[in-house]
Amino acid sequence: MAASKSSRSRKATPVRSHPTAPTSTAVAAQKSRAVDTKARAASPVSDEVVDGPPFWLQMTTFVLALAGLGVSIYETYVHFVTHSFLGCSGAGLINCEKVTTSAQAYVGPSSFHVPVAVLGVLFFVFAGVPLMSPWAWQAKDRRIHLVRLVSMIIGICFVLWLLYAELVIIGNICVYCTSVHILTFLLFILTVLAAAMWGLAPGRPGFLGQGRRNQVSEDA
């Protein structure tokens, strides 16, 4: 009887793990998270998403494009209807009539002259306003952003030619033409800046890699 009790007392009591003691799975998960943290610290861009251009830039380009379209429509209206610009004298350096009626104010062969003002309207209708709208800026298709950049490069090259024509060949300046040139130049600068900072599509790093970045939340 005593031997039986002694044998029962010597039986090993099962050892329970402490509830706070880390298991092997938990330790492995902690090590994995530590490795991921070190990897993100070494290359932060890899785990971050680059935002697109801010909304103020999108709206600014949209308003500038609308202003350029408005001025171009007015120039076209004057060319075909009134033949007289408001607030622009016909003498001195600023001479809108002389500039808009010069040979450099037309494009194409002599048998089919297209006024530059009409080209301005077409540019802002098909390239300026649609591509500068917030909807186009937020598009996921990279081709839209590439077409915007190429259009602005072509537009600024044409503007440089017109400036040369006004200052060197004609020797006069048109206030309305100059306003369109300034608007196109601003659109060009903002478009190139957006492409450099945020890339040619939202969510992709730009050429300079300096876009505002939001870290992607880690899956639990």
C-alpha atoms as a PDB file:
ATOM      1  CA  MET A   1       0.000   0.000   0.000  1.00  0.00           C
ATOM      2  CA  ALA A   2       2.780   2.395   0.958  1.00  0.00           C
ATOM      3  CA  ALA A   3       4.730   1.431  -2.130  1.00  0.00           C
ATOM      4  CA  SER A   4       1.730   2.185  -4.297  1.00  0.00           C
ATOM      5  CA  LYS A   5       1.336   5.637  -2.824  1.00  0.00           C
ATOM      6  CA  SER A   6       5.044   6.263  -3.241  1.00  0.00           C
ATOM      7  CA  SER A   7       4.934   5.287  -6.897  1.00  0.00           C
ATOM      8  CA  ARG A   8       1.982   7.585  -7.551  1.00  0.00           C
ATOM      9  CA  SER A   9       3.783  10.480  -5.849  1.00  0.00           C
ATOM     10  CA  ARG A  10       6.816   9.947  -8.058  1.00  0.00           C
ATOM     11  CA  LYS A  11       4.790  10.285 -11.284  1.00  0.00           C
ATOM     12  CA  ALA A  12       5.903  13.306 -13.302  1.00  0.00           C
ATOM     13  CA  THR A  13       3.439  16.141 -13.279  1.00  0.00           C
ATOM     14  CA  PRO A  14       2.899  17.534 -16.802  1.00  0.00           C
ATOM     15  CA  VAL A  15       4.664  20.865 -17.220  1.00  0.00           C
ATOM     16  CA  ARG A  16       2.499  23.609 -18.681  1.00  0.00           C
ATOM     17  CA  SER A  17       4.103  26.365 -20.656  1.00  0.00           C
ATOM     18  CA  HIS A  18       3.857  29.778 -19.148  1.00  0.00           C
ATOM     19  CA  PRO A  19       1.172  31.788 -20.937  1.00  0.00           C
ATOM     20  CA  THR A  20       3.585  34.633 -21.463  1.00  0.00           C
ATOM     21  CA  ALA A  21       6.468  32.525 -22.730  1.00  0.00           C
ATOM     22  CA  PRO A  22       7.011  33.007 -26.496  1.00  0.00           C
ATOM     23  CA  THR A  23       6.534  29.957 -28.652  1.00  0.00           C
ATOM     24  CA  SER A  24       8.818  29.027 -31.513  1.00  0.00           C
ATOM     25  CA  THR A  25       6.245  30.302 -34.039  1.00  0.00           C
ATOM     26  CA  ALA A  26       6.003  33.673 -32.315  1.00  0.00           C
ATOM     27  CA  VAL A  27       9.791  33.993 -32.160  1.00  0.00           C
ATOM     28  CA  ALA A  28      10.030  33.223 -35.876  1.00  0.00           C
ATOM     29  CA  ALA A  29       7.346  35.819 -36.677  1.00  0.00           C
ATOM     30  CA  GLN A  30       9.181  38.443 -34.634  1.00  0.00           C
ATOM     31  CA  LYS A  31      12.432  37.709 -36.435  1.00  0.00           C
ATOM     32  CA  SER A  32      10.640  37.939 -39.803  1.00  0.00           C
ATOM     33  CA  ARG A  33       9.160  41.323 -38.895  1.00  0.00           C
ATOM     34  CA  ALA A  34      12.571  42.548 -37.757  1.00  0.00           C
ATOM     35  CA  VAL A  35      14.086  41.512 -41.093  1.00  0.00           C
ATOM     36  CA  ASP A  36      11.264  43.257 -42.990  1.00  0.00           C
ATOM     37  CA  THR A  37      11.803  46.429 -40.955  1.00  0.00           C
ATOM     38  CA  LYS A  38      15.520  46.430 -41.734  1.00  0.00           C
ATOM     39  CA  ALA A  39      14.784  45.876 -45.434  1.00  0.00           C
ATOM     40  CA  ARG A  40      12.362  48.814 -45.508  1.00  0.00           C
ATOM     41  CA  ALA A  41      14.931  50.999 -43.784  1.00  0.00           C
ATOM     42  CA  ALA A  42      17.554  50.039 -46.358  1.00  0.00           C
ATOM     43  CA  SER A  43      15.291  50.696 -49.371  1.00  0.00           C
ATOM     44  CA  PRO A  44      12.244  52.727 -48.325  1.00  0.00           C
ATOM     45  CA  VAL A  45      10.997  53.264 -51.877  1.00  0.00           C
ATOM     46  CA  SER A  46      10.372  49.567 -52.433  1.00  0.00           C
ATOM     47  CA  ASP A  47       7.590  49.406 -49.808  1.00  0.00           C
ATOM     48  CA  GLU A  48       6.103  52.817 -50.492  1.00  0.00           C
ATOM     49  CA  VAL A  49       3.613  54.119 -52.997  1.00  0.00           C
ATOM     50  CA  VAL A  50       4.321  57.408 -54.722  1.00  0.00           C
ATOM     51  CA  ASP A  51       1.253  59.625 -54.919  1.00  0.00           C
ATOM     52  CA  GLY A  52       0.334  61.458 -58.097  1.00  0.00           C
ATOM     53  CA  PRO A  53       0.474  65.233 -58.474  1.00  0.00           C
ATOM     54  CA  PRO A  54      -1.460  67.079 -55.753  1.00  0.00           C
ATOM     55  CA  PHE A  55      -4.956  68.310 -56.462  1.00  0.00           C
ATOM     56  CA  TRP A  56      -3.878  71.973 -56.501  1.00  0.00           C
ATOM     57  CA  LEU A  57      -1.506  71.252 -59.395  1.00  0.00           C
ATOM     58  CA  GLN A  58      -4.215  69.396 -61.290  1.00  0.00           C
ATOM     59  CA  MET A  59      -6.681  72.260 -60.886  1.00  0.00           C
ATOM     60  CA  THR A  60      -4.038  74.886 -61.676  1.00  0.00           C
ATOM     61  CA  THR A  61      -3.173  73.270 -65.006  1.00  0.00           C
ATOM     62  CA  PHE A  62      -6.875  72.825 -65.778  1.00  0.00           C
ATOM     63  CA  VAL A  63      -7.616  76.522 -65.160  1.00  0.00           C
ATOM     64  CA  LEU A  64      -4.556  77.595 -67.187  1.00  0.00           C
ATOM     65  CA  ALA A  65      -5.677  75.408 -70.095  1.00  0.00           C
ATOM     66  CA  LEU A  66      -9.194  76.879 -69.950  1.00  0.00           C
ATOM     67  CA  ALA A  67      -7.709  80.391 -69.951  1.00  0.00           C
ATOM     68  CA  GLY A  68      -5.556  79.530 -72.968  1.00  0.00           C
ATOM     69  CA  LEU A  69      -8.598  78.173 -74.781  1.00  0.00           C
ATOM     70  CA  GLY A  70     -10.568  81.323 -74.002  1.00  0.00           C
ATOM     71  CA  VAL A  71      -7.863  83.664 -75.309  1.00  0.00           C
ATOM     72  CA  SER A  72      -7.390  81.543 -78.444  1.00  0.00           C
ATOM     73  CA  ILE A  73     -11.125  81.610 -79.142  1.00  0.00           C
ATOM     74  CA  TYR A  74     -11.132  85.395 -78.762  1.00  0.00           C
ATOM     75  CA  GLU A  75      -8.187  85.744 -81.153  1.00  0.00           C
ATOM     76  CA  THR A  76      -9.985  83.551 -83.680  1.00  0.00           C
ATOM     77  CA  TYR A  77     -13.158  85.623 -83.293  1.00  0.00           C
ATOM     78  CA  VAL A  78     -11.242  88.857 -83.895  1.00  0.00           C
ATOM     79  CA  HIS A  79      -9.469  87.371 -86.905  1.00  0.00           C
ATOM     80  CA  PHE A  80     -12.667  86.388 -88.681  1.00  0.00           C
ATOM     81  CA  VAL A  81     -15.222  88.892 -87.344  1.00  0.00           C
ATOM     82  CA  THR A  82     -14.146  92.177 -85.722  1.00  0.00           C
ATOM     83  CA  HIS A  83     -10.508  92.532 -86.918  1.00  0.00           C
ATOM     84  CA  SER A  84      -9.854  94.741 -83.880  1.00  0.00           C
ATOM     85  CA  PHE A  85      -8.475  93.766 -80.475  1.00  0.00           C
ATOM     86  CA  LEU A  86      -9.724  95.351 -77.274  1.00  0.00           C
ATOM     87  CA  GLY A  87      -7.093  97.329 -75.394  1.00  0.00           C
ATOM     88  CA  CYS A  88      -4.401  96.870 -78.015  1.00  0.00           C
ATOM     89  CA  SER A  89      -3.188  99.929 -79.903  1.00  0.00           C
ATOM     90  CA  GLY A  90      -2.126  99.880 -83.514  1.00  0.00           C
ATOM     91  CA  ALA A  91       1.099 101.778 -82.981  1.00  0.00           C
ATOM     92  CA  GLY A  92       4.363 101.227 -81.126  1.00  0.00           C
ATOM     93  CA  LEU A  93       5.958  98.001 -79.992  1.00  0.00           C
ATOM     94  CA  ILE A  94       2.633  96.485 -78.918  1.00  0.00           C
ATOM     95  CA  ASN A  95       0.679  96.116 -82.131  1.00  0.00           C
ATOM     96  CA  CYS A  96      -1.746  93.187 -82.118  1.00  0.00           C
ATOM     97  CA  GLU A  97      -3.136  93.899 -85.580  1.00  0.00           C
ATOM     98  CA  LYS A  98       0.267  93.908 -87.258  1.00  0.00           C
ATOM     99  CA  VAL A  99       1.276  90.661 -85.562  1.00  0.00           C
ATOM    100  CA  THR A 100      -1.945  88.770 -86.277  1.00  0.00           C
ATOM    101  CA  THR A 101      -2.041  89.855 -89.931  1.00  0.00           C
ATOM    102  CA  SER A 102       1.605  89.149 -90.696  1.00  0.00           C
ATOM    103  CA  ALA A 103       2.778  86.219 -92.793  1.00  0.00           C
ATOM    104  CA  GLN A 104       4.059  84.520 -89.644  1.00  0.00           C
ATOM    105  CA  ALA A 105       0.521  84.468 -88.216  1.00  0.00           C
ATOM    106  CA  TYR A 106      -0.435  81.767 -90.729  1.00  0.00           C
ATOM    107  CA  VAL A 107       0.678  78.180 -91.145  1.00  0.00           C
ATOM    108  CA  GLY A 108       0.561  76.135 -94.329  1.00  0.00           C
ATOM    109  CA  PRO A 109       0.916  76.773 -98.048  1.00  0.00           C
ATOM    110  CA  SER A 110      -0.268  80.011 -99.604  1.00  0.00           C
ATOM    111  CA  SER A 111      -3.323  78.291-101.054  1.00  0.00           C
ATOM    112  CA  PHE A 112      -4.454  77.058 -97.648  1.00  0.00           C
ATOM    113  CA  HIS A 113      -3.394  79.411 -94.872  1.00  0.00           C
ATOM    114  CA  VAL A 114      -4.456  78.389 -91.358  1.00  0.00           C
ATOM    115  CA  PRO A 115      -4.350  81.200 -88.777  1.00  0.00           C
ATOM    116  CA  VAL A 116      -2.197  80.493 -85.752  1.00  0.00           C
ATOM    117  CA  ALA A 117      -5.162  81.448 -83.557  1.00  0.00           C
ATOM    118  CA  VAL A 118      -7.123  78.516 -84.988  1.00  0.00           C
ATOM    119  CA  LEU A 119      -4.221  76.190 -84.215  1.00  0.00           C
ATOM    120  CA  GLY A 120      -4.281  77.524 -80.669  1.00  0.00           C
ATOM    121  CA  VAL A 121      -7.949  76.643 -80.335  1.00  0.00           C
ATOM    122  CA  LEU A 122      -7.348  73.155 -81.691  1.00  0.00           C
ATOM    123  CA  PHE A 123      -4.387  72.655 -79.381  1.00  0.00           C
ATOM    124  CA  PHE A 124      -6.298  73.562 -76.233  1.00  0.00           C
ATOM    125  CA  VAL A 125      -9.465  71.725 -77.296  1.00  0.00           C
ATOM    126  CA  PHE A 126      -7.779  68.408 -78.055  1.00  0.00           C
ATOM    127  CA  ALA A 127      -4.612  68.504 -75.939  1.00  0.00           C
ATOM    128  CA  GLY A 128      -4.734  71.303 -73.387  1.00  0.00           C
ATOM    129  CA  VAL A 129      -8.075  71.113 -71.590  1.00  0.00           C
ATOM    130  CA  PRO A 130      -8.736  67.323 -71.778  1.00  0.00           C
ATOM    131  CA  LEU A 131      -5.212  66.311 -70.758  1.00  0.00           C
ATOM    132  CA  MET A 132      -4.997  68.933 -68.000  1.00  0.00           C
ATOM    133  CA  SER A 133      -8.279  67.986 -66.366  1.00  0.00           C
ATOM    134  CA  PRO A 134      -8.181  66.271 -62.947  1.00  0.00           C
ATOM    135  CA  TRP A 135      -9.709  63.161 -64.541  1.00  0.00           C
ATOM    136  CA  ALA A 136      -6.775  62.879 -66.948  1.00  0.00           C
ATOM    137  CA  TRP A 137      -4.221  63.528 -64.192  1.00  0.00           C
ATOM    138  CA  GLN A 138      -5.722  60.684 -62.142  1.00  0.00           C
ATOM    139  CA  ALA A 139      -5.887  58.234 -65.042  1.00  0.00           C
ATOM    140  CA  LYS A 140      -4.034  54.949 -64.598  1.00  0.00           C
ATOM    141  CA  ASP A 141      -3.143  54.646 -68.281  1.00  0.00           C
ATOM    142  CA  ARG A 142       0.490  55.685 -68.725  1.00  0.00           C
ATOM    143  CA  ARG A 143      -0.128  56.664 -72.347  1.00  0.00           C
ATOM    144  CA  ILE A 144      -2.324  59.592 -71.287  1.00  0.00           C
ATOM    145  CA  HIS A 145       0.468  61.098 -69.204  1.00  0.00           C
ATOM    146  CA  LEU A 146       2.988  60.462 -71.974  1.00  0.00           C
ATOM    147  CA  VAL A 147       0.767  62.189 -74.558  1.00  0.00           C
ATOM    148  CA  ARG A 148       0.379  65.170 -72.208  1.00  0.00           C
ATOM    149  CA  LEU A 149       4.143  65.519 -71.860  1.00  0.00           C
ATOM    150  CA  VAL A 150       4.782  65.195 -75.603  1.00  0.00           C
ATOM    151  CA  SER A 151       1.992  67.681 -76.398  1.00  0.00           C
ATOM    152  CA  MET A 152       3.469  70.272 -74.065  1.00  0.00           C
ATOM    153  CA  ILE A 153       6.927  69.805 -75.591  1.00  0.00           C
ATOM    154  CA  ILE A 154       5.515  70.364 -79.073  1.00  0.00           C
ATOM    155  CA  GLY A 155       3.495  73.339 -77.839  1.00  0.00           C
ATOM    156  CA  ILE A 156       6.455  75.073 -76.202  1.00  0.00           C
ATOM    157  CA  CYS A 157       8.587  74.548 -79.324  1.00  0.00           C
ATOM    158  CA  PHE A 158       5.902  76.270 -81.406  1.00  0.00           C
ATOM    159  CA  VAL A 159       5.695  79.069 -78.837  1.00  0.00           C
ATOM    160  CA  LEU A 160       9.444  79.657 -79.092  1.00  0.00           C
ATOM    161  CA  TRP A 161       9.115  79.991 -82.854  1.00  0.00           C
ATOM    162  CA  LEU A 162       6.270  82.502 -82.477  1.00  0.00           C
ATOM    163  CA  LEU A 163       8.274  84.537 -79.981  1.00  0.00           C
ATOM    164  CA  TYR A 164      11.177  84.642 -82.417  1.00  0.00           C
ATOM    165  CA  ALA A 165       8.805  85.716 -85.184  1.00  0.00           C
ATOM    166  CA  GLU A 166       7.344  88.523 -83.070  1.00  0.00           C
ATOM    167  CA  LEU A 167      10.579  89.894 -81.658  1.00  0.00           C
ATOM    168  CA  VAL A 168      12.946  89.388 -84.596  1.00  0.00           C
ATOM    169  CA  ILE A 169      10.981  89.111 -87.847  1.00  0.00           C
ATOM    170  CA  ILE A 170       7.890  91.254 -87.185  1.00  0.00           C
ATOM    171  CA  GLY A 171       9.346  93.558 -84.559  1.00  0.00           C
ATOM    172  CA  ASN A 172       6.060  93.895 -82.663  1.00  0.00           C
ATOM    173  CA  ILE A 173       4.264  92.154 -79.825  1.00  0.00           C
ATOM    174  CA  CYS A 174       0.650  91.063 -79.509  1.00  0.00           C
ATOM    175  CA  VAL A 175      -0.622  91.164 -75.927  1.00  0.00           C
ATOM    176  CA  TYR A 176      -3.088  88.334 -76.483  1.00  0.00           C
ATOM    177  CA  CYS A 177      -0.539  86.185 -78.258  1.00  0.00           C
ATOM    178  CA  THR A 178       1.921  86.769 -75.441  1.00  0.00           C
ATOM    179  CA  SER A 179      -0.682  85.745 -72.872  1.00  0.00           C
ATOM    180  CA  VAL A 180      -1.173  82.452 -74.695  1.00  0.00           C
ATOM    181  CA  HIS A 181       2.598  81.979 -74.797  1.00  0.00           C
ATOM    182  CA  ILE A 182       2.845  82.540 -71.040  1.00  0.00           C
ATOM    183  CA  LEU A 183      -0.010  80.145 -70.310  1.00  0.00           C
ATOM    184  CA  THR A 184       1.574  77.472 -72.511  1.00  0.00           C
ATOM    185  CA  PHE A 185       4.933  78.001 -70.834  1.00  0.00           C
ATOM    186  CA  LEU A 186       3.396  77.567 -67.366  1.00  0.00           C
ATOM    187  CA  LEU A 187       1.627  74.402 -68.488  1.00  0.00           C
ATOM    188  CA  PHE A 188       4.890  73.085 -69.884  1.00  0.00           C
ATOM    189  CA  ILE A 189       6.770  73.762 -66.638  1.00  0.00           C
ATOM    190  CA  LEU A 190       4.093  72.150 -64.457  1.00  0.00           C
ATOM    191  CA  THR A 191       3.807  69.131 -66.755  1.00  0.00           C
ATOM    192  CA  VAL A 192       7.555  68.516 -66.800  1.00  0.00           C
ATOM    193  CA  LEU A 193       7.717  69.020 -63.025  1.00  0.00           C
ATOM    194  CA  ALA A 194       4.895  66.529 -62.490  1.00  0.00           C
ATOM    195  CA  ALA A 195       6.567  63.964 -64.751  1.00  0.00           C
ATOM    196  CA  ALA A 196       9.871  64.403 -62.934  1.00  0.00           C
ATOM    197  CA  MET A 197       8.396  64.234 -59.440  1.00  0.00           C
ATOM    198  CA  TRP A 198       5.604  61.699 -59.810  1.00  0.00           C
ATOM    199  CA  GLY A 199       6.388  59.807 -63.000  1.00  0.00           C
ATOM    200  CA  LEU A 200       4.131  59.222 -65.975  1.00  0.00           C
ATOM    201  CA  ALA A 201       1.447  57.359 -64.011  1.00  0.00           C
ATOM    202  CA  PRO A 202       0.068  57.597 -60.463  1.00  0.00           C
ATOM    203  CA  GLY A 203       1.692  55.190 -58.048  1.00  0.00           C
ATOM    204  CA  ARG A 204       5.006  55.072 -59.883  1.00  0.00           C
ATOM    205  CA  PRO A 205       8.195  56.818 -58.763  1.00  0.00           C
ATOM    206  CA  GLY A 206       9.213  59.859 -60.765  1.00  0.00           C
ATOM    207  CA  PHE A 207      12.504  60.499 -62.498  1.00  0.00           C
ATOM    208  CA  LEU A 208      13.718  62.411 -59.448  1.00  0.00           C
ATOM    209  CA  GLY A 209      12.067  60.012 -56.985  1.00  0.00           C
ATOM    210  CA  GLN A 210      10.901  62.861 -54.742  1.00  0.00           C
ATOM    211  CA  GLY A 211       7.128  62.395 -54.707  1.00  0.00           C
ATOM    212  CA  ARG A 212       5.162  62.406 -51.480  1.00  0.00           C
ATOM    213  CA  ARG A 213       5.106  58.823 -50.313  1.00  0.00           C
ATOM    214  CA  ASN A 214       2.677  56.952 -48.108  1.00  0.00           C
ATOM    215  CA  GLN A 215       3.898  53.746 -46.556  1.00  0.00           C
ATOM    216  CA  VAL A 216       1.728  50.758 -47.327  1.00  0.00           C
ATOM    217  CA  SER A 217       0.235  49.268 -44.172  1.00  0.00           C
ATOM    218  CA  GLU A 218       1.692  45.887 -43.336  1.00  0.00           C
ATOM    219  CA  ASP A 219      -0.647  42.890 -43.475  1.00  0.00           C
ATOM    220  CA  ALA A 220      -1.427  41.475 -40.087  1.00  0.00           C
END
